[in-house]
Protein backbone atom coordinates (compact mmCIF):
# COMPACT_ATOMS: atom_id res chain seq x y z
CA MET A 1 0.00 0.00 0.00
CA ARG A 2 1.40 3.38 -1.05
CA LEU A 3 0.74 6.75 0.53
CA THR A 4 0.94 10.29 -0.78
CA GLY A 5 2.04 13.33 1.16
CA LYS A 6 3.63 16.77 1.08
CA LEU A 7 7.27 17.45 1.88
CA ILE A 8 7.22 19.95 4.76
CA ARG A 9 10.92 19.95 5.70
CA TRP A 10 14.15 19.19 3.87
CA ASN A 11 17.77 19.41 5.04
CA THR A 12 19.90 19.68 1.90
CA ASP A 13 23.20 19.16 3.72
CA LYS A 14 22.10 15.95 5.45
CA ALA A 15 19.77 14.84 2.62
CA PHE A 16 16.71 14.06 4.71
CA GLY A 17 13.35 15.57 5.52
CA PHE A 18 9.79 14.89 6.64
CA ILE A 19 6.52 14.23 4.82
CA THR A 20 3.00 14.93 6.05
CA PRO A 21 0.65 12.17 4.75
CA ASN A 22 -2.44 13.46 2.94
CA GLY A 23 -4.67 11.32 5.14
CA GLY A 24 -3.28 12.87 8.31
CA GLY A 25 -1.18 11.30 11.04
CA ASP A 26 2.41 11.66 12.18
CA THR A 27 5.07 13.01 9.84
CA ILE A 28 7.18 10.39 8.04
CA PHE A 29 10.97 10.58 7.84
CA ILE A 30 12.46 10.37 4.35
CA HIS A 31 16.10 10.11 3.29
CA LYS A 32 17.25 10.92 -0.23
CA THR A 33 18.26 7.28 -0.72
CA ALA A 34 14.55 6.39 -0.54
CA LEU A 35 13.85 8.42 -3.69
CA LYS A 36 13.81 6.70 -7.05
CA ASN A 37 14.99 9.90 -8.73
CA ARG A 38 18.02 10.96 -6.71
CA ASN A 39 19.13 13.49 -9.30
CA ARG A 40 16.29 15.84 -8.38
CA THR A 41 16.68 17.93 -5.24
CA PRO A 42 13.50 17.77 -3.11
CA LYS A 43 11.78 21.04 -2.34
CA ILE A 44 9.25 22.11 0.28
CA ASN A 45 5.66 21.35 -0.80
CA ASP A 46 6.75 18.65 -3.27
CA ILE A 47 4.09 15.94 -3.50
CA ILE A 48 5.66 12.54 -2.95
CA SER A 49 4.27 9.02 -3.27
CA PHE A 50 5.89 6.46 -0.98
CA SER A 51 5.61 3.24 0.99
CA VAL A 52 6.43 2.90 4.69
CA ILE A 53 9.06 0.59 6.17
CA GLN A 54 10.90 0.18 9.47
CA ASP A 55 14.59 0.96 9.75
CA ASN A 56 17.10 -1.03 11.82
CA GLN A 57 16.02 0.83 14.97
CA GLY A 58 12.32 0.13 14.45
CA ARG A 59 11.48 3.66 13.28
CA TYR A 60 9.07 4.22 10.40
CA CYS A 61 10.33 5.96 7.29
CA ALA A 62 9.50 6.39 3.61
CA ASP A 63 10.76 3.98 0.96
CA GLN A 64 10.45 3.61 -2.82
CA ALA A 65 9.46 7.26 -3.03
CA THR A 66 8.61 9.10 -6.24
CA PHE A 67 7.76 12.71 -7.00
CA SER A 68 4.28 13.53 -8.25
CA GLY A 69 4.05 12.78 -11.98
CA GLU A 70 6.83 10.21 -11.98
CA LYS A 71 6.19 6.51 -12.41
CA SER A 72 6.04 4.43 -9.24
CA PRO A 73 8.75 1.81 -8.81
CA LYS A 74 7.76 -1.76 -9.49
CA LYS A 75 7.02 -3.62 -6.30
CA LYS A 76 9.76 -6.05 -5.48
CA PHE A 77 8.84 -9.63 -4.80
CA LYS A 78 9.07 -10.39 -1.12
CA ASN A 79 10.00 -13.85 0.01
CA VAL A 80 7.36 -15.56 2.08
CA SER A 81 8.36 -18.09 4.71
CA THR A 82 6.38 -21.19 3.79
CA PHE A 83 7.75 -22.84 6.94
CA SER A 84 5.79 -20.48 9.20
CA ILE A 85 2.64 -20.92 7.12
CA TYR A 86 2.84 -24.72 7.01
CA LEU A 87 3.73 -24.93 10.70
CA SER A 88 0.68 -22.91 11.75
CA LEU A 89 -1.64 -24.91 9.47
CA ILE A 90 -0.22 -28.28 10.55
CA PHE A 91 -0.40 -27.34 14.23
CA THR A 92 -4.03 -26.21 13.95
CA THR A 93 -4.88 -29.40 12.06
CA LEU A 94 -3.25 -31.54 14.76
CA VAL A 95 -5.22 -29.73 17.48
CA ALA A 96 -8.43 -30.38 15.53
CA VAL A 97 -7.54 -34.05 15.10
CA ALA A 98 -6.74 -34.36 18.82
CA TYR A 99 -10.17 -32.92 19.60
CA PHE A 100 -12.02 -35.32 17.29
CA LEU A 101 -10.09 -38.26 18.76
CA GLY A 102 -11.07 -37.19 22.26
CA TYR A 103 -7.65 -36.11 23.51
CA LEU A 104 -8.57 -32.42 23.83
CA PRO A 105 -11.83 -30.70 24.83
CA GLN A 106 -13.64 -28.58 22.27
CA LYS A 107 -12.88 -25.36 24.12
CA ILE A 108 -9.14 -25.79 23.47
CA LEU A 109 -9.76 -25.98 19.72
CA LEU A 110 -12.08 -22.99 19.84
CA VAL A 111 -9.55 -20.99 21.84
CA TYR A 112 -6.85 -21.58 19.23
CA LEU A 113 -9.17 -20.73 16.35
CA GLY A 114 -10.70 -17.70 18.05
CA VAL A 115 -7.50 -16.18 19.43
CA SER A 116 -5.67 -16.85 16.15
CA LEU A 117 -8.36 -14.92 14.28
CA MET A 118 -8.13 -12.08 16.80
CA THR A 119 -4.34 -12.04 16.44
CA PHE A 120 -4.47 -11.97 12.64
CA ILE A 121 -6.86 -9.01 12.79
CA ALA A 122 -4.61 -7.26 15.35
CA TYR A 123 -1.64 -7.58 12.98
CA ALA A 124 -3.71 -6.27 10.07
CA LEU A 125 -4.87 -3.26 12.09
CA ASP A 126 -1.35 -2.57 13.33
CA LYS A 127 0.03 -2.60 9.79
CA SER A 128 -2.73 -0.26 8.68
CA LYS A 129 -1.88 2.11 11.53
CA ALA A 130 1.80 1.99 10.62
CA GLN A 131 1.08 2.89 7.01
CA ARG A 132 -1.11 5.81 8.11
CA GLY A 133 1.31 7.00 10.78
CA LYS A 134 -1.20 6.35 13.58
CA TRP A 135 -0.68 5.18 17.18
CA ARG A 136 0.59 1.59 17.09
CA THR A 137 -0.44 -1.60 18.90
CA GLN A 138 2.16 -2.47 21.53
CA GLU A 139 4.40 -5.40 20.64
CA SER A 140 3.79 -6.85 24.10
CA THR A 141 0.08 -7.10 23.23
CA LEU A 142 0.84 -9.03 20.04
CA HIS A 143 3.15 -11.37 21.96
CA LEU A 144 0.52 -11.92 24.67
CA LEU A 145 -2.04 -12.91 22.04
CA ALA A 146 0.46 -15.34 20.53
CA LEU A 147 1.23 -16.83 23.95
CA LEU A 148 -2.49 -17.35 24.70
CA GLY A 149 -2.89 -19.48 21.56
CA GLY A 150 -2.96 -16.96 18.75
CA TRP A 151 0.50 -17.75 17.39
CA PRO A 152 -0.81 -19.68 14.34
CA GLY A 153 -2.72 -16.56 13.32
CA ALA A 154 0.35 -14.41 14.04
CA ALA A 155 2.56 -16.67 11.91
CA LEU A 156 0.13 -16.39 9.00
CA ALA A 157 -0.18 -12.61 9.40
CA GLN A 158 3.57 -12.08 9.51
CA GLN A 159 4.01 -13.79 6.14
CA LEU A 160 0.77 -13.03 4.29
CA LEU A 161 0.64 -9.39 5.43
CA ARG A 162 4.45 -9.01 5.53
CA HIS A 163 4.24 -7.39 8.96
CA LYS A 164 6.68 -7.91 11.84
CA SER A 165 8.49 -10.47 9.70
CA LYS A 166 11.95 -8.90 9.66
CA LYS A 167 12.57 -7.32 13.07
CA LYS A 168 14.95 -9.76 14.77
CA GLU A 169 14.11 -8.95 18.39
CA PHE A 170 10.39 -9.30 17.72
CA ARG A 171 10.85 -12.60 15.87
CA VAL A 172 12.96 -14.11 18.66
CA THR A 173 10.34 -13.24 21.28
CA PHE A 174 7.56 -14.49 19.02
CA TRP A 175 9.14 -17.93 18.58
CA PHE A 176 9.72 -18.04 22.33
CA THR A 177 5.94 -17.66 22.83
CA VAL A 178 5.38 -20.45 20.29
CA VAL A 179 7.65 -22.82 22.21
CA ILE A 180 6.02 -21.99 25.56
CA ASN A 181 2.48 -22.35 24.22
CA THR A 182 3.18 -25.60 22.39
CA ALA A 183 5.06 -27.10 25.35
CA THR A 184 2.16 -26.20 27.66
CA LEU A 185 -0.34 -27.91 25.36
CA VAL A 186 1.82 -31.04 25.15
CA TRP A 187 2.10 -31.09 28.95
CA LEU A 188 -1.69 -30.80 29.30
CA MET A 189 -2.00 -33.99 27.26
CA THR A 190 0.30 -35.93 29.62
CA ALA A 191 -0.85 -37.83 32.69
CA GLN A 192 0.34 -35.00 34.94
CA GLY A 193 -1.39 -32.25 33.01
CA ARG A 194 -4.59 -34.00 31.98
CA PRO A 195 -6.41 -33.14 35.24
CA PHE A 196 -6.10 -29.47 34.32
CA LEU A 197 -7.98 -30.10 31.06
CA SER A 198 -11.12 -30.55 33.14
CA TYR A 199 -11.23 -26.76 33.51
CA PHE A 200 -11.90 -26.54 29.75
CA SER A 201 -14.61 -29.19 29.69
């Protein structure tokens, strides 16, 4: 999704400035390297079309930017992790099979499906907010949803929506929630943990 905005500040010496999106929201940082046409010197009030990405420090900035009237750059193909997608689908299928075979109560299956849907929607809304420069959903909230059983939905959202799929710190914490959640489910299916499943009956 591309946005359009007006350049309100530009530092020629340091080759960076700020754009105000037409739809409102916070100003977006732009460096000259983000412009397709780097031979043209940006000027105040230039209309610029751009996409929004995160830099190495997690800050949002413009990318693949073009001046009004210029052709937009072709969207580069982004690799999708099929591992994450298949893992989430296989896990959900196994939980469904365990329910039908009587190893898990129905509420467990519904929790995974329901929370995964909620998590997918939360990722979609957060990406939309990022693109519009709005107030973001806290990463701790996304991790909590994953920990409570929404990680299959989070894994799908990260790849299908291409959101939160590159930030290393976030990914490490996310996979930590996956391990904890999965290990807890496996323990609930053991002799020691099965008594606790009665709470979901």
